Amino acid sequence: MSKLLKICKRKRYKLFISNNIKLAVKIRADGIYIPSFNKNFSNTRNLGNKNLIVLGSAHNYKEINIKLKQKCSAIFISPVFPVSKRKNYLGIHKFNFLSQTTKSRILALGGINEDNFLKLKMLKIAGFGGISIFKKKTGLKKAGSFKE
């Protein structure tokens, strides 16, 4: 793990540990990611003292409130667009409605690909995350530019 941390520091990448606060503190990671299924508040109370950035994910209003109680500085809301793992997705209007329920930084996640990449401009977001859009060899080159 320390080798990965050194590479991240050298390349100025931030390292986030998923769902393991003790490990994040131990290796001095930049932050912690708390998935939507983690609804525990007690282990996030003293994170401000640890200088960790806290990210979380949510799928609905109730989970957004939980992430706020967990002191998340940014929240991934997903899935914005259709994904193979889930039957339902939010779409642009529902996503924007959910994103307006909080003053926290909102990030889009789920189903982002070359075909819907430019639709991100219609979302009220601070950023986005994805997997499949970055996996392809052509990546964002075919998706066009995304400038504000």
N, C-alpha and C. Protein backbone atom coordinates (compact mmCIF):
# COMPACT_ATOMS: atom_id res chain seq x y z
N MET A 1 0.82 -1.20 0.00
CA MET A 1 0.00 0.00 0.00
C MET A 1 0.87 1.25 0.00
N SER A 2 1.99 1.23 0.69
CA SER A 2 2.83 2.43 0.75
C SER A 2 3.42 2.77 -0.62
N LYS A 3 3.64 1.75 -1.45
CA LYS A 3 4.14 1.99 -2.80
C LYS A 3 3.09 2.77 -3.62
N LEU A 4 1.83 2.36 -3.50
CA LEU A 4 0.75 3.06 -4.18
C LEU A 4 0.64 4.49 -3.68
N LEU A 5 0.74 4.68 -2.39
CA LEU A 5 0.66 6.02 -1.80
C LEU A 5 1.79 6.91 -2.33
N LYS A 6 2.99 6.37 -2.43
CA LYS A 6 4.13 7.15 -2.95
C LYS A 6 3.91 7.56 -4.40
N ILE A 7 3.38 6.64 -5.20
CA ILE A 7 3.09 6.95 -6.61
C ILE A 7 2.05 8.06 -6.70
N CYS A 8 1.00 7.96 -5.88
CA CYS A 8 -0.06 8.98 -5.89
C CYS A 8 0.50 10.34 -5.49
N LYS A 9 1.32 10.38 -4.46
CA LYS A 9 1.90 11.65 -4.01
C LYS A 9 2.80 12.24 -5.09
N ARG A 10 3.61 11.40 -5.71
CA ARG A 10 4.53 11.87 -6.75
C ARG A 10 3.78 12.44 -7.94
N LYS A 11 2.68 11.80 -8.32
CA LYS A 11 1.90 12.26 -9.47
C LYS A 11 0.82 13.26 -9.08
N ARG A 12 0.78 13.61 -7.79
CA ARG A 12 -0.19 14.57 -7.25
C ARG A 12 -1.64 14.10 -7.40
N TYR A 13 -1.84 12.78 -7.30
CA TYR A 13 -3.18 12.20 -7.26
C TYR A 13 -3.60 12.11 -5.81
N LYS A 14 -4.88 12.23 -5.58
CA LYS A 14 -5.40 12.04 -4.24
C LYS A 14 -5.79 10.57 -4.08
N LEU A 15 -5.44 10.00 -2.95
CA LEU A 15 -5.75 8.60 -2.68
C LEU A 15 -6.89 8.53 -1.67
N PHE A 16 -7.97 7.85 -2.06
CA PHE A 16 -9.13 7.65 -1.21
C PHE A 16 -9.26 6.17 -0.91
N ILE A 17 -9.46 5.86 0.35
CA ILE A 17 -9.65 4.47 0.77
C ILE A 17 -11.15 4.24 0.95
N SER A 18 -11.64 3.16 0.40
CA SER A 18 -13.07 2.88 0.47
C SER A 18 -13.44 2.17 1.76
N ASN A 19 -14.31 2.82 2.55
CA ASN A 19 -15.00 2.20 3.67
C ASN A 19 -14.08 1.65 4.76
N ASN A 20 -12.87 2.21 4.91
CA ASN A 20 -11.96 1.74 5.95
C ASN A 20 -11.22 2.94 6.54
N ILE A 21 -11.82 3.56 7.53
CA ILE A 21 -11.27 4.79 8.12
C ILE A 21 -9.94 4.52 8.80
N LYS A 22 -9.83 3.40 9.52
CA LYS A 22 -8.59 3.09 10.23
C LYS A 22 -7.42 2.98 9.26
N LEU A 23 -7.64 2.30 8.13
CA LEU A 23 -6.57 2.17 7.14
C LEU A 23 -6.22 3.52 6.53
N ALA A 24 -7.23 4.33 6.23
CA ALA A 24 -6.99 5.66 5.64
C ALA A 24 -6.14 6.52 6.58
N VAL A 25 -6.42 6.47 7.87
CA VAL A 25 -5.65 7.24 8.86
C VAL A 25 -4.24 6.66 8.98
N LYS A 26 -4.15 5.34 9.04
CA LYS A 26 -2.87 4.67 9.22
C LYS A 26 -1.89 5.00 8.10
N ILE A 27 -2.35 4.97 6.85
CA ILE A 27 -1.42 5.20 5.73
C ILE A 27 -1.38 6.66 5.30
N ARG A 28 -2.13 7.50 6.01
CA ARG A 28 -2.19 8.94 5.71
C ARG A 28 -2.71 9.20 4.30
N ALA A 29 -3.80 8.53 3.97
CA ALA A 29 -4.47 8.76 2.68
C ALA A 29 -5.08 10.16 2.68
N ASP A 30 -5.41 10.64 1.51
CA ASP A 30 -6.02 11.97 1.40
C ASP A 30 -7.46 11.97 1.86
N GLY A 31 -8.13 10.82 1.73
CA GLY A 31 -9.52 10.81 2.09
C GLY A 31 -10.10 9.43 2.20
N ILE A 32 -11.39 9.42 2.49
CA ILE A 32 -12.15 8.19 2.65
C ILE A 32 -13.40 8.28 1.79
N TYR A 33 -13.78 7.15 1.21
CA TYR A 33 -15.02 7.06 0.44
C TYR A 33 -15.97 6.17 1.21
N ILE A 34 -17.17 6.69 1.49
CA ILE A 34 -18.17 5.94 2.23
C ILE A 34 -19.31 5.56 1.28
N PRO A 35 -19.42 4.27 0.93
CA PRO A 35 -20.46 3.82 0.00
C PRO A 35 -21.87 4.01 0.56
N SER A 36 -22.85 3.96 -0.31
CA SER A 36 -24.23 4.21 0.09
C SER A 36 -24.74 3.19 1.10
N PHE A 37 -24.23 1.96 1.07
CA PHE A 37 -24.72 0.94 2.00
C PHE A 37 -24.22 1.16 3.43
N ASN A 38 -23.18 1.98 3.61
CA ASN A 38 -22.66 2.27 4.95
C ASN A 38 -23.49 3.40 5.55
N LYS A 39 -24.29 3.08 6.52
CA LYS A 39 -25.18 4.06 7.15
C LYS A 39 -24.76 4.36 8.59
N ASN A 40 -23.54 3.99 8.94
CA ASN A 40 -23.02 4.15 10.30
C ASN A 40 -22.52 5.58 10.51
N PHE A 41 -22.99 6.23 11.57
CA PHE A 41 -22.57 7.61 11.87
C PHE A 41 -21.41 7.66 12.87
N SER A 42 -21.34 6.69 13.74
CA SER A 42 -20.39 6.77 14.86
C SER A 42 -18.94 6.81 14.40
N ASN A 43 -18.60 6.09 13.34
CA ASN A 43 -17.20 6.04 12.93
C ASN A 43 -16.78 7.26 12.10
N THR A 44 -17.66 8.20 11.84
CA THR A 44 -17.30 9.38 11.04
C THR A 44 -17.27 10.66 11.87
N ARG A 45 -17.55 10.57 13.15
CA ARG A 45 -17.65 11.77 14.00
C ARG A 45 -16.36 12.57 14.08
N ASN A 46 -15.23 11.93 14.22
CA ASN A 46 -13.96 12.63 14.45
C ASN A 46 -13.09 12.74 13.19
N LEU A 47 -13.69 12.59 12.03
CA LEU A 47 -12.89 12.64 10.81
C LEU A 47 -12.30 14.02 10.54
N GLY A 48 -12.96 15.06 11.00
CA GLY A 48 -12.44 16.41 10.80
C GLY A 48 -11.08 16.58 11.45
N ASN A 49 -10.86 15.90 12.57
CA ASN A 49 -9.58 15.97 13.26
C ASN A 49 -8.47 15.22 12.52
N LYS A 50 -8.83 14.36 11.61
CA LYS A 50 -7.87 13.53 10.90
C LYS A 50 -7.43 14.15 9.56
N ASN A 51 -7.98 15.29 9.21
CA ASN A 51 -7.67 15.96 7.94
C ASN A 51 -7.92 15.07 6.73
N LEU A 52 -9.00 14.32 6.75
CA LEU A 52 -9.38 13.47 5.63
C LEU A 52 -10.53 14.12 4.86
N ILE A 53 -10.46 14.04 3.55
CA ILE A 53 -11.58 14.43 2.70
C ILE A 53 -12.56 13.27 2.72
N VAL A 54 -13.82 13.56 2.94
CA VAL A 54 -14.82 12.49 3.05
C VAL A 54 -15.76 12.57 1.85
N LEU A 55 -15.77 11.51 1.06
CA LEU A 55 -16.68 11.39 -0.08
C LEU A 55 -17.69 10.29 0.22
N GLY A 56 -18.88 10.44 -0.31
CA GLY A 56 -19.90 9.42 -0.12
C GLY A 56 -20.71 9.23 -1.39
N SER A 57 -21.52 8.19 -1.40
CA SER A 57 -22.42 7.98 -2.54
C SER A 57 -23.83 7.76 -2.04
N ALA A 58 -24.79 8.18 -2.87
CA ALA A 58 -26.20 8.07 -2.52
C ALA A 58 -27.02 7.84 -3.77
N HIS A 59 -28.20 7.25 -3.56
CA HIS A 59 -29.11 6.97 -4.67
C HIS A 59 -30.44 7.69 -4.52
N ASN A 60 -30.69 8.26 -3.34
CA ASN A 60 -31.97 8.92 -3.10
C ASN A 60 -31.83 9.97 -2.00
N TYR A 61 -32.93 10.65 -1.71
CA TYR A 61 -32.93 11.74 -0.72
C TYR A 61 -32.52 11.25 0.67
N LYS A 62 -33.04 10.11 1.08
CA LYS A 62 -32.74 9.56 2.40
C LYS A 62 -31.24 9.30 2.55
N GLU A 63 -30.63 8.71 1.53
CA GLU A 63 -29.20 8.41 1.57
C GLU A 63 -28.36 9.69 1.53
N ILE A 64 -28.83 10.72 0.83
CA ILE A 64 -28.12 12.01 0.83
C ILE A 64 -28.06 12.57 2.24
N ASN A 65 -29.18 12.50 2.97
CA ASN A 65 -29.20 12.98 4.36
C ASN A 65 -28.25 12.19 5.25
N ILE A 66 -28.15 10.90 5.02
CA ILE A 66 -27.21 10.08 5.78
C ILE A 66 -25.78 10.53 5.49
N LYS A 67 -25.47 10.78 4.23
CA LYS A 67 -24.11 11.21 3.87
C LYS A 67 -23.79 12.58 4.47
N LEU A 68 -24.77 13.45 4.58
CA LEU A 68 -24.56 14.74 5.22
C LEU A 68 -24.25 14.55 6.71
N LYS A 69 -24.96 13.64 7.37
CA LYS A 69 -24.69 13.35 8.77
C LYS A 69 -23.32 12.70 8.96
N GLN A 70 -22.85 12.02 7.94
CA GLN A 70 -21.52 11.41 7.98
C GLN A 70 -20.42 12.42 7.63
N LYS A 71 -20.81 13.67 7.45
CA LYS A 71 -19.87 14.77 7.18
C LYS A 71 -19.14 14.64 5.84
N CYS A 72 -19.84 14.15 4.82
CA CYS A 72 -19.24 14.05 3.48
C CYS A 72 -19.13 15.45 2.86
N SER A 73 -17.97 15.76 2.34
CA SER A 73 -17.78 17.07 1.71
C SER A 73 -18.24 17.06 0.26
N ALA A 74 -18.37 15.88 -0.32
CA ALA A 74 -18.90 15.73 -1.67
C ALA A 74 -19.64 14.40 -1.74
N ILE A 75 -20.72 14.38 -2.54
CA ILE A 75 -21.56 13.19 -2.63
C ILE A 75 -21.76 12.81 -4.10
N PHE A 76 -21.43 11.56 -4.42
CA PHE A 76 -21.75 11.01 -5.73
C PHE A 76 -23.21 10.59 -5.70
N ILE A 77 -24.00 11.08 -6.65
CA ILE A 77 -25.38 10.63 -6.79
C ILE A 77 -25.44 9.77 -8.04
N SER A 78 -26.03 8.58 -7.89
CA SER A 78 -26.05 7.66 -9.02
C SER A 78 -27.28 6.76 -8.99
N PRO A 79 -27.55 6.08 -10.08
CA PRO A 79 -26.99 6.28 -11.42
C PRO A 79 -27.75 7.38 -12.17
N VAL A 80 -27.02 8.21 -12.84
CA VAL A 80 -27.63 9.29 -13.61
C VAL A 80 -28.27 8.74 -14.87
N PHE A 81 -27.55 7.90 -15.57
CA PHE A 81 -28.00 7.32 -16.84
C PHE A 81 -28.13 5.80 -16.69
N PRO A 82 -28.75 5.14 -17.65
CA PRO A 82 -28.93 3.68 -17.55
C PRO A 82 -27.61 2.92 -17.38
N VAL A 83 -27.63 1.94 -16.48
CA VAL A 83 -26.49 1.05 -16.27
C VAL A 83 -27.01 -0.38 -16.24
N SER A 84 -26.14 -1.31 -16.56
CA SER A 84 -26.57 -2.71 -16.64
C SER A 84 -26.90 -3.30 -15.27
N LYS A 85 -26.29 -2.80 -14.20
CA LYS A 85 -26.48 -3.36 -12.86
C LYS A 85 -27.84 -3.03 -12.23
N ARG A 86 -28.46 -1.95 -12.66
CA ARG A 86 -29.69 -1.50 -12.02
C ARG A 86 -30.82 -1.35 -13.03
N LYS A 87 -32.01 -1.63 -12.58
CA LYS A 87 -33.19 -1.50 -13.44
C LYS A 87 -33.56 -0.02 -13.63
N ASN A 88 -33.42 0.78 -12.57
CA ASN A 88 -33.82 2.18 -12.61
C ASN A 88 -32.61 3.11 -12.67
N TYR A 89 -32.81 4.29 -13.19
CA TYR A 89 -31.81 5.34 -13.16
C TYR A 89 -32.54 6.67 -12.96
N LEU A 90 -31.79 7.70 -12.56
CA LEU A 90 -32.42 8.96 -12.20
C LEU A 90 -32.83 9.80 -13.38
N GLY A 91 -31.98 9.94 -14.37
CA GLY A 91 -32.24 10.86 -15.46
C GLY A 91 -31.88 12.28 -15.04
N ILE A 92 -31.91 13.20 -15.97
CA ILE A 92 -31.46 14.57 -15.73
C ILE A 92 -32.35 15.30 -14.73
N HIS A 93 -33.66 15.23 -14.88
CA HIS A 93 -34.56 16.00 -14.02
C HIS A 93 -34.54 15.52 -12.57
N LYS A 94 -34.63 14.22 -12.36
CA LYS A 94 -34.60 13.70 -10.99
C LYS A 94 -33.25 13.96 -10.34
N PHE A 95 -32.18 13.81 -11.14
CA PHE A 95 -30.85 14.07 -10.61
C PHE A 95 -30.73 15.52 -10.15
N ASN A 96 -31.16 16.46 -10.98
CA ASN A 96 -31.07 17.87 -10.61
C ASN A 96 -31.94 18.18 -9.39
N PHE A 97 -33.10 17.56 -9.29
CA PHE A 97 -33.95 17.76 -8.13
C PHE A 97 -33.22 17.29 -6.86
N LEU A 98 -32.64 16.09 -6.91
CA LEU A 98 -31.91 15.58 -5.75
C LEU A 98 -30.70 16.45 -5.42
N SER A 99 -30.00 16.91 -6.44
CA SER A 99 -28.79 17.71 -6.20
C SER A 99 -29.12 19.05 -5.56
N GLN A 100 -30.33 19.54 -5.75
CA GLN A 100 -30.73 20.82 -5.16
C GLN A 100 -31.18 20.69 -3.71
N THR A 101 -31.28 19.46 -3.20
CA THR A 101 -31.71 19.27 -1.82
C THR A 101 -30.57 19.50 -0.83
N THR A 102 -29.37 19.73 -1.31
CA THR A 102 -28.23 19.90 -0.42
C THR A 102 -27.28 20.98 -0.94
N LYS A 103 -26.53 21.55 -0.02
CA LYS A 103 -25.51 22.53 -0.41
C LYS A 103 -24.15 21.87 -0.56
N SER A 104 -24.09 20.57 -0.31
CA SER A 104 -22.86 19.82 -0.47
C SER A 104 -22.48 19.75 -1.95
N ARG A 105 -21.22 19.53 -2.22
CA ARG A 105 -20.77 19.38 -3.61
C ARG A 105 -21.32 18.06 -4.14
N ILE A 106 -21.94 18.11 -5.31
CA ILE A 106 -22.55 16.94 -5.91
C ILE A 106 -21.75 16.50 -7.13
N LEU A 107 -21.54 15.20 -7.22
CA LEU A 107 -20.82 14.60 -8.34
C LEU A 107 -21.74 13.58 -9.01
N ALA A 108 -21.70 13.51 -10.32
CA ALA A 108 -22.54 12.57 -11.07
C ALA A 108 -21.78 11.25 -11.26
N LEU A 109 -22.52 10.16 -11.21
CA LEU A 109 -21.93 8.84 -11.38
C LEU A 109 -22.97 7.91 -11.98
N GLY A 110 -22.54 7.02 -12.83
CA GLY A 110 -23.41 5.98 -13.33
C GLY A 110 -23.89 6.15 -14.75
N GLY A 111 -23.44 5.27 -15.63
CA GLY A 111 -23.91 5.24 -17.00
C GLY A 111 -23.34 6.32 -17.90
N ILE A 112 -22.32 7.02 -17.45
CA ILE A 112 -21.74 8.09 -18.27
C ILE A 112 -20.88 7.46 -19.36
N ASN A 113 -21.23 7.77 -20.60
CA ASN A 113 -20.49 7.22 -21.73
C ASN A 113 -20.36 8.27 -22.83
N GLU A 114 -19.81 7.87 -23.97
CA GLU A 114 -19.59 8.81 -25.08
C GLU A 114 -20.89 9.42 -25.58
N ASP A 115 -21.98 8.65 -25.57
CA ASP A 115 -23.24 9.12 -26.13
C ASP A 115 -23.94 10.17 -25.25
N ASN A 116 -23.76 10.08 -23.94
CA ASN A 116 -24.46 11.03 -23.07
C ASN A 116 -23.52 11.99 -22.34
N PHE A 117 -22.26 11.97 -22.68
CA PHE A 117 -21.27 12.80 -21.99
C PHE A 117 -21.63 14.28 -22.02
N LEU A 118 -22.06 14.78 -23.16
CA LEU A 118 -22.38 16.21 -23.26
C LEU A 118 -23.63 16.59 -22.46
N LYS A 119 -24.45 15.61 -22.10
CA LYS A 119 -25.63 15.88 -21.27
C LYS A 119 -25.23 16.28 -19.85
N LEU A 120 -23.99 16.02 -19.48
CA LEU A 120 -23.53 16.41 -18.15
C LEU A 120 -23.60 17.92 -17.95
N LYS A 121 -23.55 18.67 -19.05
CA LYS A 121 -23.65 20.13 -18.96
C LYS A 121 -25.01 20.57 -18.40
N MET A 122 -26.02 19.71 -18.52
CA MET A 122 -27.36 20.05 -18.04
C MET A 122 -27.54 19.73 -16.56
N LEU A 123 -26.52 19.13 -15.95
CA LEU A 123 -26.61 18.76 -14.55
C LEU A 123 -25.95 19.82 -13.67
N LYS A 124 -26.47 19.98 -12.49
CA LYS A 124 -25.88 20.90 -11.51
C LYS A 124 -24.88 20.09 -10.68
N ILE A 125 -23.64 20.00 -11.20
CA ILE A 125 -22.63 19.15 -10.57
C ILE A 125 -21.31 19.90 -10.41
N ALA A 126 -20.52 19.41 -9.46
CA ALA A 126 -19.16 19.91 -9.27
C ALA A 126 -18.17 19.05 -10.04
N GLY A 127 -18.60 17.87 -10.48
CA GLY A 127 -17.74 16.96 -11.22
C GLY A 127 -18.46 15.66 -11.49
N PHE A 128 -17.73 14.69 -12.02
CA PHE A 128 -18.33 13.40 -12.32
C PHE A 128 -17.28 12.30 -12.19
N GLY A 129 -17.76 11.09 -12.07
CA GLY A 129 -16.91 9.92 -12.03
C GLY A 129 -17.45 8.90 -13.00
N GLY A 130 -16.61 8.00 -13.41
CA GLY A 130 -17.06 6.98 -14.33
C GLY A 130 -16.04 5.88 -14.45
N ILE A 131 -16.47 4.81 -15.05
CA ILE A 131 -15.57 3.69 -15.29
C ILE A 131 -15.49 3.42 -16.79
N SER A 132 -16.63 3.12 -17.40
CA SER A 132 -16.61 2.69 -18.80
C SER A 132 -16.12 3.78 -19.73
N ILE A 133 -16.39 5.04 -19.43
CA ILE A 133 -15.95 6.10 -20.32
C ILE A 133 -14.42 6.22 -20.34
N PHE A 134 -13.78 5.81 -19.26
CA PHE A 134 -12.33 5.87 -19.18
C PHE A 134 -11.66 4.57 -19.58
N LYS A 135 -12.41 3.48 -19.66
CA LYS A 135 -11.85 2.18 -20.01
C LYS A 135 -11.53 2.08 -21.50
N LYS A 136 -12.37 2.69 -22.32
CA LYS A 136 -12.21 2.54 -23.76
C LYS A 136 -10.93 3.22 -24.23
N LYS A 137 -10.37 2.69 -25.30
CA LYS A 137 -9.12 3.24 -25.83
C LYS A 137 -9.30 4.68 -26.31
N THR A 138 -10.46 4.99 -26.88
CA THR A 138 -10.69 6.33 -27.39
C THR A 138 -11.07 7.29 -26.28
N GLY A 139 -11.67 6.77 -25.20
CA GLY A 139 -12.01 7.58 -24.04
C GLY A 139 -12.82 8.82 -24.39
N LEU A 140 -12.41 9.95 -23.86
CA LEU A 140 -13.16 11.18 -24.03
C LEU A 140 -12.88 11.87 -25.36
N LYS A 141 -11.96 11.38 -26.13
CA LYS A 141 -11.65 12.02 -27.41
C LYS A 141 -12.87 12.08 -28.32
N LYS A 142 -13.62 10.98 -28.38
CA LYS A 142 -14.80 10.93 -29.22
C LYS A 142 -16.00 11.64 -28.59
N ALA A 143 -15.97 11.81 -27.26
CA ALA A 143 -17.12 12.38 -26.57
C ALA A 143 -17.19 13.89 -26.74
N GLY A 144 -16.16 14.52 -27.21
CA GLY A 144 -16.18 15.97 -27.37
C GLY A 144 -15.63 16.66 -26.13
N SER A 145 -15.62 17.95 -26.15
CA SER A 145 -15.07 18.68 -25.02
C SER A 145 -16.15 19.02 -24.02
N PHE A 146 -15.75 19.17 -22.79
CA PHE A 146 -16.68 19.50 -21.73
C PHE A 146 -16.10 20.69 -20.98
N LYS A 147 -16.41 21.87 -21.45
CA LYS A 147 -15.90 23.09 -20.85
C LYS A 147 -17.04 23.90 -20.30
N GLU A 148 -16.75 24.63 -19.23
CA GLU A 148 -17.79 25.49 -18.65
C GLU A 148 -17.59 26.91 -19.11
